[in-house]
PDB file of all heavy atoms in Angstrom:
ATOM      1  N   ASP A   1     -28.412 -27.069  10.439  1.00  0.00           N
ATOM      2  CA  ASP A   1     -28.903 -26.598   9.136  1.00  0.00           C
ATOM      3  C   ASP A   1     -29.374 -25.145   9.222  1.00  0.00           C
ATOM      4  O   ASP A   1     -29.130 -24.350   8.304  1.00  0.00           O
ATOM      5  CB  ASP A   1     -30.050 -27.490   8.655  1.00  0.00           C
ATOM      6  CG  ASP A   1     -29.574 -28.880   8.260  1.00  0.00           C
ATOM      7  OD1 ASP A   1     -28.360 -29.034   8.002  1.00  0.00           O
ATOM      8  OD2 ASP A   1     -30.400 -29.810   8.219  1.00  0.00           O
ATOM      9  N   HIS A   2     -30.065 -24.796  10.313  1.00  0.00           N
ATOM     10  CA  HIS A   2     -30.495 -23.409  10.488  1.00  0.00           C
ATOM     11  C   HIS A   2     -29.294 -22.466  10.605  1.00  0.00           C
ATOM     12  O   HIS A   2     -29.305 -21.362  10.055  1.00  0.00           O
ATOM     13  CB  HIS A   2     -31.385 -23.279  11.730  1.00  0.00           C
ATOM     14  CG  HIS A   2     -32.806 -23.686  11.497  1.00  0.00           C
ATOM     15  ND1 HIS A   2     -33.255 -24.979  11.661  1.00  0.00           N
ATOM     16  CD2 HIS A   2     -33.889 -22.971  11.088  1.00  0.00           C
ATOM     17  CE1 HIS A   2     -34.539 -25.052  11.386  1.00  0.00           C
ATOM     18  NE2 HIS A   2     -34.957 -23.837  11.018  1.00  0.00           N
ATOM     19  N   MET A   3     -28.251 -22.914  11.325  1.00  0.00           N
ATOM     20  CA  MET A   3     -27.051 -22.094  11.455  1.00  0.00           C
ATOM     21  C   MET A   3     -26.378 -21.890  10.105  1.00  0.00           C
ATOM     22  O   MET A   3     -25.956 -20.774   9.761  1.00  0.00           O
ATOM     23  CB  MET A   3     -26.081 -22.752  12.441  1.00  0.00           C
ATOM     24  CG  MET A   3     -26.554 -22.755  13.889  1.00  0.00           C
ATOM     25  SD  MET A   3     -25.459 -23.701  14.989  1.00  0.00           S
ATOM     26  CE  MET A   3     -23.930 -22.801  14.788  1.00  0.00           C
ATOM     27  N   GLN A   4     -26.284 -22.957   9.302  1.00  0.00           N
ATOM     28  CA  GLN A   4     -25.664 -22.844   7.987  1.00  0.00           C
ATOM     29  C   GLN A   4     -26.479 -21.931   7.086  1.00  0.00           C
ATOM     30  O   GLN A   4     -25.926 -21.114   6.329  1.00  0.00           O
ATOM     31  CB  GLN A   4     -25.519 -24.237   7.367  1.00  0.00           C
ATOM     32  CG  GLN A   4     -24.830 -24.251   6.008  1.00  0.00           C
ATOM     33  CD  GLN A   4     -23.397 -23.772   6.089  1.00  0.00           C
ATOM     34  OE1 GLN A   4     -22.744 -23.893   7.126  1.00  0.00           O
ATOM     35  NE2 GLN A   4     -22.906 -23.188   4.991  1.00  0.00           N
ATOM     36  N   SER A   5     -27.798 -22.039   7.170  1.00  0.00           N
ATOM     37  CA  SER A   5     -28.663 -21.180   6.362  1.00  0.00           C
ATOM     38  C   SER A   5     -28.499 -19.709   6.762  1.00  0.00           C
ATOM     39  O   SER A   5     -28.485 -18.818   5.900  1.00  0.00           O
ATOM     40  CB  SER A   5     -30.130 -21.602   6.519  1.00  0.00           C
ATOM     41  OG  SER A   5     -30.326 -22.929   6.071  1.00  0.00           O
ATOM     42  N   ALA A   6     -28.355 -19.472   8.060  1.00  0.00           N
ATOM     43  CA  ALA A   6     -28.168 -18.096   8.529  1.00  0.00           C
ATOM     44  C   ALA A   6     -26.847 -17.520   8.032  1.00  0.00           C
ATOM     45  O   ALA A   6     -26.776 -16.349   7.628  1.00  0.00           O
ATOM     46  CB  ALA A   6     -28.221 -18.060  10.060  1.00  0.00           C
ATOM     47  N   VAL A   7     -25.801 -18.335   8.052  1.00  0.00           N
ATOM     48  CA  VAL A   7     -24.501 -17.868   7.549  1.00  0.00           C
ATOM     49  C   VAL A   7     -24.587 -17.553   6.062  1.00  0.00           C
ATOM     50  O   VAL A   7     -24.102 -16.511   5.590  1.00  0.00           O
ATOM     51  CB  VAL A   7     -23.414 -18.929   7.823  1.00  0.00           C
ATOM     52  CG1 VAL A   7     -22.117 -18.560   7.104  1.00  0.00           C
ATOM     53  CG2 VAL A   7     -23.171 -19.066   9.313  1.00  0.00           C
ATOM     54  N   GLU A   8     -25.215 -18.440   5.285  1.00  0.00           N
ATOM     55  CA  GLU A   8     -25.329 -18.211   3.848  1.00  0.00           C
ATOM     56  C   GLU A   8     -26.193 -17.006   3.539  1.00  0.00           C
ATOM     57  O   GLU A   8     -25.934 -16.258   2.582  1.00  0.00           O
ATOM     58  CB  GLU A   8     -25.900 -19.462   3.177  1.00  0.00           C
ATOM     59  CG  GLU A   8     -24.952 -20.660   3.218  1.00  0.00           C
ATOM     60  CD  GLU A   8     -25.571 -21.901   2.606  1.00  0.00           C
ATOM     61  OE1 GLU A   8     -26.763 -21.844   2.236  1.00  0.00           O
ATOM     62  OE2 GLU A   8     -24.856 -22.929   2.515  1.00  0.00           O
ATOM     63  N   THR A   9     -27.219 -16.770   4.345  1.00  0.00           N
ATOM     64  CA  THR A   9     -28.068 -15.599   4.140  1.00  0.00           C
ATOM     65  C   THR A   9     -27.318 -14.315   4.448  1.00  0.00           C
ATOM     66  O   THR A   9     -27.452 -13.303   3.742  1.00  0.00           O
ATOM     67  CB  THR A   9     -29.318 -15.691   5.035  1.00  0.00           C
ATOM     68  OG1 THR A   9     -30.038 -16.888   4.724  1.00  0.00           O
ATOM     69  CG2 THR A   9     -30.231 -14.488   4.831  1.00  0.00           C
ATOM     70  N   ALA A  10     -26.507 -14.348   5.506  1.00  0.00           N
ATOM     71  CA  ALA A  10     -25.800 -13.139   5.929  1.00  0.00           C
ATOM     72  C   ALA A  10     -24.603 -12.821   5.046  1.00  0.00           C
ATOM     73  O   ALA A  10     -24.319 -11.646   4.771  1.00  0.00           O
ATOM     74  CB  ALA A  10     -25.356 -13.291   7.376  1.00  0.00           C
ATOM     75  N   ALA A  11     -23.876 -13.852   4.603  1.00  0.00           N
ATOM     76  CA  ALA A  11     -22.617 -13.592   3.897  1.00  0.00           C
ATOM     77  C   ALA A  11     -22.468 -14.377   2.612  1.00  0.00           C
ATOM     78  O   ALA A  11     -21.419 -14.309   1.968  1.00  0.00           O
ATOM     79  CB  ALA A  11     -21.443 -13.917   4.816  1.00  0.00           C
ATOM     80  N   GLY A  12     -23.494 -15.107   2.204  1.00  0.00           N
ATOM     81  CA  GLY A  12     -23.350 -15.975   1.045  1.00  0.00           C
ATOM     82  C   GLY A  12     -23.087 -15.253  -0.253  1.00  0.00           C
ATOM     83  O   GLY A  12     -22.428 -15.780  -1.147  1.00  0.00           O
ATOM     84  N   SER A  13     -23.599 -14.020  -0.372  1.00  0.00           N
ATOM     85  CA  SER A  13     -23.441 -13.291  -1.637  1.00  0.00           C
ATOM     86  C   SER A  13     -22.248 -12.349  -1.634  1.00  0.00           C
ATOM     87  O   SER A  13     -21.985 -11.686  -2.635  1.00  0.00           O
ATOM     88  CB  SER A  13     -24.718 -12.486  -1.924  1.00  0.00           C
ATOM     89  OG  SER A  13     -24.948 -11.542  -0.877  1.00  0.00           O
ATOM     90  N   ILE A  14     -21.525 -12.271  -0.534  1.00  0.00           N
ATOM     91  CA  ILE A  14     -20.378 -11.355  -0.442  1.00  0.00           C
ATOM     92  C   ILE A  14     -19.151 -12.035  -1.021  1.00  0.00           C
ATOM     93  O   ILE A  14     -18.732 -13.096  -0.552  1.00  0.00           O
ATOM     94  CB  ILE A  14     -20.117 -10.941   1.015  1.00  0.00           C
ATOM     95  CG1 ILE A  14     -21.345 -10.270   1.618  1.00  0.00           C
ATOM     96  CG2 ILE A  14     -18.908 -10.009   1.094  1.00  0.00           C
ATOM     97  CD1 ILE A  14     -21.191  -9.910   3.087  1.00  0.00           C
ATOM     98  N   SER A  15     -18.575 -11.439  -2.053  1.00  0.00           N
ATOM     99  CA  SER A  15     -17.362 -11.979  -2.674  1.00  0.00           C
ATOM    100  C   SER A  15     -16.134 -11.292  -2.099  1.00  0.00           C
ATOM    101  O   SER A  15     -16.233 -10.271  -1.411  1.00  0.00           O
ATOM    102  CB  SER A  15     -17.415 -11.792  -4.185  1.00  0.00           C
ATOM    103  OG  SER A  15     -17.346 -10.407  -4.515  1.00  0.00           O
ATOM    104  N   LEU A  16     -14.984 -11.843  -2.422  1.00  0.00           N
ATOM    105  CA  LEU A  16     -13.732 -11.224  -1.964  1.00  0.00           C
ATOM    106  C   LEU A  16     -13.553  -9.838  -2.568  1.00  0.00           C
ATOM    107  O   LEU A  16     -13.046  -8.931  -1.906  1.00  0.00           O
ATOM    108  CB  LEU A  16     -12.545 -12.120  -2.335  1.00  0.00           C
ATOM    109  CG  LEU A  16     -12.317 -13.368  -1.481  1.00  0.00           C
ATOM    110  CD1 LEU A  16     -11.086 -14.105  -1.969  1.00  0.00           C
ATOM    111  CD2 LEU A  16     -12.156 -13.014  -0.018  1.00  0.00           C
ATOM    112  N   ARG A  17     -13.960  -9.665  -3.808  1.00  0.00           N
ATOM    113  CA  ARG A  17     -13.847  -8.340  -4.435  1.00  0.00           C
ATOM    114  C   ARG A  17     -14.686  -7.316  -3.669  1.00  0.00           C
ATOM    115  O   ARG A  17     -14.229  -6.191  -3.429  1.00  0.00           O
ATOM    116  CB  ARG A  17     -14.289  -8.413  -5.895  1.00  0.00           C
ATOM    117  CG  ARG A  17     -14.121  -7.098  -6.647  1.00  0.00           C
ATOM    118  CD  ARG A  17     -14.629  -7.225  -8.074  1.00  0.00           C
ATOM    119  NE  ARG A  17     -13.759  -8.062  -8.870  1.00  0.00           N
ATOM    120  CZ  ARG A  17     -12.709  -7.609  -9.560  1.00  0.00           C
ATOM    121  NH1 ARG A  17     -12.387  -6.322  -9.515  1.00  0.00           N
ATOM    122  NH2 ARG A  17     -11.977  -8.437 -10.287  1.00  0.00           N
ATOM    123  N   GLU A  18     -15.890  -7.707  -3.279  1.00  0.00           N
ATOM    124  CA  GLU A  18     -16.739  -6.801  -2.514  1.00  0.00           C
ATOM    125  C   GLU A  18     -16.146  -6.543  -1.132  1.00  0.00           C
ATOM    126  O   GLU A  18     -16.230  -5.431  -0.605  1.00  0.00           O
ATOM    127  CB  GLU A  18     -18.145  -7.392  -2.388  1.00  0.00           C
ATOM    128  CG  GLU A  18     -18.897  -7.459  -3.704  1.00  0.00           C
ATOM    129  CD  GLU A  18     -20.215  -8.206  -3.568  1.00  0.00           C
ATOM    130  OE1 GLU A  18     -20.354  -8.988  -2.589  1.00  0.00           O
ATOM    131  OE2 GLU A  18     -21.077  -8.017  -4.419  1.00  0.00           O
ATOM    132  N   LEU A  19     -15.541  -7.574  -0.541  1.00  0.00           N
ATOM    133  CA  LEU A  19     -14.910  -7.407   0.770  1.00  0.00           C
ATOM    134  C   LEU A  19     -13.790  -6.384   0.710  1.00  0.00           C
ATOM    135  O   LEU A  19     -13.655  -5.524   1.593  1.00  0.00           O
ATOM    136  CB  LEU A  19     -14.378  -8.765   1.250  1.00  0.00           C
ATOM    137  CG  LEU A  19     -14.098  -8.925   2.744  1.00  0.00           C
ATOM    138  CD1 LEU A  19     -15.370  -8.813   3.552  1.00  0.00           C
ATOM    139  CD2 LEU A  19     -13.414 -10.259   3.005  1.00  0.00           C
ATOM    140  N   VAL A  20     -12.975  -6.453  -0.353  1.00  0.00           N
ATOM    141  CA  VAL A  20     -11.880  -5.490  -0.524  1.00  0.00           C
ATOM    142  C   VAL A  20     -12.434  -4.101  -0.804  1.00  0.00           C
ATOM    143  O   VAL A  20     -11.958  -3.096  -0.262  1.00  0.00           O
ATOM    144  CB  VAL A  20     -10.943  -5.952  -1.659  1.00  0.00           C
ATOM    145  CG1 VAL A  20      -9.898  -4.886  -1.959  1.00  0.00           C
ATOM    146  CG2 VAL A  20     -10.267  -7.258  -1.287  1.00  0.00           C
ATOM    147  N   SER A  21     -13.478  -4.019  -1.631  1.00  0.00           N
ATOM    148  CA  SER A  21     -14.056  -2.724  -1.991  1.00  0.00           C
ATOM    149  C   SER A  21     -14.662  -2.035  -0.777  1.00  0.00           C
ATOM    150  O   SER A  21     -14.526  -0.823  -0.605  1.00  0.00           O
ATOM    151  CB  SER A  21     -15.117  -2.907  -3.081  1.00  0.00           C
ATOM    152  OG  SER A  21     -14.553  -3.491  -4.238  1.00  0.00           O
ATOM    153  N   LYS A  22     -15.329  -2.798   0.074  1.00  0.00           N
ATOM    154  CA  LYS A  22     -15.928  -2.210   1.275  1.00  0.00           C
ATOM    155  C   LYS A  22     -14.862  -1.641   2.197  1.00  0.00           C
ATOM    156  O   LYS A  22     -15.023  -0.568   2.765  1.00  0.00           O
ATOM    157  CB  LYS A  22     -16.742  -3.279   2.014  1.00  0.00           C
ATOM    158  CG  LYS A  22     -18.056  -3.647   1.335  1.00  0.00           C
ATOM    159  CD  LYS A  22     -18.807  -4.683   2.161  1.00  0.00           C
ATOM    160  CE  LYS A  22     -20.130  -5.040   1.493  1.00  0.00           C
ATOM    161  NZ  LYS A  22     -20.899  -6.048   2.285  1.00  0.00           N
ATOM    162  N   ASN A  23     -13.755  -2.362   2.361  1.00  0.00           N
ATOM    163  CA  ASN A  23     -12.690  -1.869   3.235  1.00  0.00           C
ATOM    164  C   ASN A  23     -12.029  -0.633   2.639  1.00  0.00           C
ATOM    165  O   ASN A  23     -11.696   0.311   3.348  1.00  0.00           O
ATOM    166  CB  ASN A  23     -11.651  -2.961   3.467  1.00  0.00           C
ATOM    167  CG  ASN A  23     -10.625  -2.557   4.517  1.00  0.00           C
ATOM    168  OD1 ASN A  23     -10.923  -2.508   5.692  1.00  0.00           O
ATOM    169  ND2 ASN A  23      -9.416  -2.254   4.073  1.00  0.00           N
ATOM    170  N   ASP A  24     -11.832  -0.624   1.302  1.00  0.00           N
ATOM    171  CA  ASP A  24     -11.230   0.534   0.652  1.00  0.00           C
ATOM    172  C   ASP A  24     -12.131   1.752   0.771  1.00  0.00           C
ATOM    173  O   ASP A  24     -11.660   2.879   0.930  1.00  0.00           O
ATOM    174  CB  ASP A  24     -10.964   0.234  -0.823  1.00  0.00           C
ATOM    175  CG  ASP A  24      -9.843  -0.787  -1.001  1.00  0.00           C
ATOM    176  OD1 ASP A  24      -9.129  -1.034  -0.009  1.00  0.00           O
ATOM    177  OD2 ASP A  24      -9.688  -1.334  -2.111  1.00  0.00           O
ATOM    178  N   ALA A  25     -13.454   1.536   0.699  1.00  0.00           N
ATOM    179  CA  ALA A  25     -14.389   2.656   0.793  1.00  0.00           C
ATOM    180  C   ALA A  25     -14.421   3.249   2.191  1.00  0.00           C
ATOM    181  O   ALA A  25     -14.634   4.454   2.368  1.00  0.00           O
ATOM    182  CB  ALA A  25     -15.788   2.186   0.396  1.00  0.00           C
ATOM    183  N   SER A  26     -14.205   2.413   3.208  1.00  0.00           N
ATOM    184  CA  SER A  26     -14.238   2.889   4.593  1.00  0.00           C
ATOM    185  C   SER A  26     -12.891   3.392   5.075  1.00  0.00           C
ATOM    186  O   SER A  26     -12.780   3.911   6.185  1.00  0.00           O
ATOM    187  CB  SER A  26     -14.711   1.770   5.529  1.00  0.00           C
ATOM    188  OG  SER A  26     -13.807   0.674   5.476  1.00  0.00           O
ATOM    189  N   SER A  27     -11.838   3.238   4.243  1.00  0.00           N
ATOM    190  CA  SER A  27     -10.485   3.669   4.624  1.00  0.00           C
ATOM    191  C   SER A  27     -10.104   4.907   3.847  1.00  0.00           C
ATOM    192  O   SER A  27     -10.347   5.012   2.649  1.00  0.00           O
ATOM    193  CB  SER A  27      -9.472   2.557   4.350  1.00  0.00           C
ATOM    194  OG  SER A  27      -8.169   3.005   4.602  1.00  0.00           O
ATOM    195  N   ASP A  28      -9.506   5.861   4.518  1.00  0.00           N
ATOM    196  CA  ASP A  28      -9.089   7.093   3.837  1.00  0.00           C
ATOM    197  C   ASP A  28      -7.975   6.831   2.859  1.00  0.00           C
ATOM    198  O   ASP A  28      -7.914   7.399   1.766  1.00  0.00           O
ATOM    199  CB  ASP A  28      -8.644   8.136   4.871  1.00  0.00           C
ATOM    200  CG  ASP A  28      -9.808   8.580   5.752  1.00  0.00           C
ATOM    201  OD1 ASP A  28     -10.957   8.520   5.272  1.00  0.00           O
ATOM    202  OD2 ASP A  28      -9.541   8.990   6.895  1.00  0.00           O
ATOM    203  N   SER A  29      -7.005   5.980   3.258  1.00  0.00           N
ATOM    204  CA  SER A  29      -5.841   5.719   2.410  1.00  0.00           C
ATOM    205  C   SER A  29      -6.159   4.754   1.301  1.00  0.00           C
ATOM    206  O   SER A  29      -5.546   4.778   0.246  1.00  0.00           O
ATOM    207  CB  SER A  29      -4.675   5.179   3.248  1.00  0.00           C
ATOM    208  OG  SER A  29      -5.042   3.956   3.840  1.00  0.00           O
ATOM    209  N   GLY A  30      -7.085   3.832   1.559  1.00  0.00           N
ATOM    210  CA  GLY A  30      -7.412   2.838   0.539  1.00  0.00           C
ATOM    211  C   GLY A  30      -6.394   1.753   0.391  1.00  0.00           C
ATOM    212  O   GLY A  30      -6.497   0.912  -0.489  1.00  0.00           O
ATOM    213  N   ALA A  31      -5.355   1.728   1.227  1.00  0.00           N
ATOM    214  CA  ALA A  31      -4.310   0.714   1.112  1.00  0.00           C
ATOM    215  C   ALA A  31      -4.795  -0.588   1.712  1.00  0.00           C
ATOM    216  O   ALA A  31      -5.407  -0.598   2.772  1.00  0.00           O
ATOM    217  CB  ALA A  31      -3.040   1.175   1.819  1.00  0.00           C
ATOM    218  N   PRO A  32      -4.532  -1.709   1.044  1.00  0.00           N
ATOM    219  CA  PRO A  32      -4.949  -2.993   1.600  1.00  0.00           C
ATOM    220  C   PRO A  32      -4.113  -3.345   2.815  1.00  0.00           C
ATOM    221  O   PRO A  32      -2.931  -3.616   2.713  1.00  0.00           O
ATOM    222  CB  PRO A  32      -4.691  -3.977   0.450  1.00  0.00           C
ATOM    223  CG  PRO A  32      -3.632  -3.328  -0.365  1.00  0.00           C
ATOM    224  CD  PRO A  32      -3.852  -1.863  -0.241  1.00  0.00           C
ATOM    225  N   ALA A  33      -4.723  -3.297   3.965  1.00  0.00           N
ATOM    226  CA  ALA A  33      -3.972  -3.572   5.199  1.00  0.00           C
ATOM    227  C   ALA A  33      -4.867  -4.291   6.182  1.00  0.00           C
ATOM    228  O   ALA A  33      -6.085  -4.171   6.148  1.00  0.00           O
ATOM    229  CB  ALA A  33      -3.433  -2.278   5.809  1.00  0.00           C
ATOM    230  N   ILE A  34      -4.247  -5.028   7.063  1.00  0.00           N
ATOM    231  CA  ILE A  34      -4.949  -5.743   8.121  1.00  0.00           C
ATOM    232  C   ILE A  34      -4.342  -5.283   9.434  1.00  0.00           C
ATOM    233  O   ILE A  34      -3.113  -5.308   9.586  1.00  0.00           O
ATOM    234  CB  ILE A  34      -4.792  -7.264   7.973  1.00  0.00           C
ATOM    235  CG1 ILE A  34      -5.359  -7.707   6.623  1.00  0.00           C
ATOM    236  CG2 ILE A  34      -5.483  -7.997   9.101  1.00  0.00           C
ATOM    237  CD1 ILE A  34      -5.118  -9.162   6.336  1.00  0.00           C
ATOM    238  N   PRO A  35      -5.146  -4.835  10.402  1.00  0.00           N
ATOM    239  CA  PRO A  35      -4.576  -4.444  11.694  1.00  0.00           C
ATOM    240  C   PRO A  35      -3.769  -5.574  12.294  1.00  0.00           C
ATOM    241  O   PRO A  35      -4.216  -6.708  12.336  1.00  0.00           O
ATOM    242  CB  PRO A  35      -5.821  -4.125  12.545  1.00  0.00           C
ATOM    243  CG  PRO A  35      -6.887  -3.793  11.550  1.00  0.00           C
ATOM    244  CD  PRO A  35      -6.599  -4.659  10.354  1.00  0.00           C
ATOM    245  N   ARG A  36      -2.582  -5.251  12.728  1.00  0.00           N
ATOM    246  CA  ARG A  36      -1.684  -6.266  13.261  1.00  0.00           C
ATOM    247  C   ARG A  36      -2.084  -6.684  14.659  1.00  0.00           C
ATOM    248  O   ARG A  36      -2.779  -5.985  15.372  1.00  0.00           O
ATOM    249  CB  ARG A  36      -0.251  -5.746  13.284  1.00  0.00           C
ATOM    250  CG  ARG A  36       0.375  -5.649  11.905  1.00  0.00           C
ATOM    251  CD  ARG A  36       1.860  -5.523  12.018  1.00  0.00           C
ATOM    252  NE  ARG A  36       2.405  -6.671  12.721  1.00  0.00           N
ATOM    253  CZ  ARG A  36       3.688  -6.827  12.970  1.00  0.00           C
ATOM    254  NH1 ARG A  36       4.551  -5.928  12.589  1.00  0.00           N
ATOM    255  NH2 ARG A  36       4.121  -7.902  13.614  1.00  0.00           N
ATOM    256  N   GLN A  37      -1.572  -7.852  15.048  1.00  0.00           N
ATOM    257  CA  GLN A  37      -1.778  -8.351  16.409  1.00  0.00           C
ATOM    258  C   GLN A  37      -1.082  -7.432  17.383  1.00  0.00           C
ATOM    259  O   GLN A  37      -0.012  -6.892  17.114  1.00  0.00           O
ATOM    260  CB  GLN A  37      -1.206  -9.759  16.532  1.00  0.00           C
ATOM    261  CG  GLN A  37      -1.262 -10.321  17.935  1.00  0.00           C
ATOM    262  CD  GLN A  37      -0.584 -11.655  18.014  1.00  0.00           C
ATOM    263  OE1 GLN A  37      -0.298 -12.264  16.999  1.00  0.00           O
ATOM    264  NE2 GLN A  37      -0.327 -12.108  19.216  1.00  0.00           N
ATOM    265  N   THR A  38      -1.716  -7.219  18.533  1.00  0.00           N
ATOM    266  CA  THR A  38      -1.064  -6.453  19.582  1.00  0.00           C
ATOM    267  C   THR A  38       0.239  -7.125  19.969  1.00  0.00           C
ATOM    268  O   THR A  38       0.256  -8.296  20.307  1.00  0.00           O
ATOM    269  CB  THR A  38      -1.976  -6.361  20.814  1.00  0.00           C
ATOM    270  OG1 THR A  38      -3.230  -5.809  20.399  1.00  0.00           O
ATOM    271  CG2 THR A  38      -1.360  -5.481  21.877  1.00  0.00           C
TER     272      THR A  38
END
């Protein structure tokens, strides 16, 4: 229960839209991309 509460506290309010926006803000190109597997 403590572990679940910690996860919800850390990431419970982060939506997918915010996840995309944060990556776009930290990327110069702004293109939606995921680093590929080596």
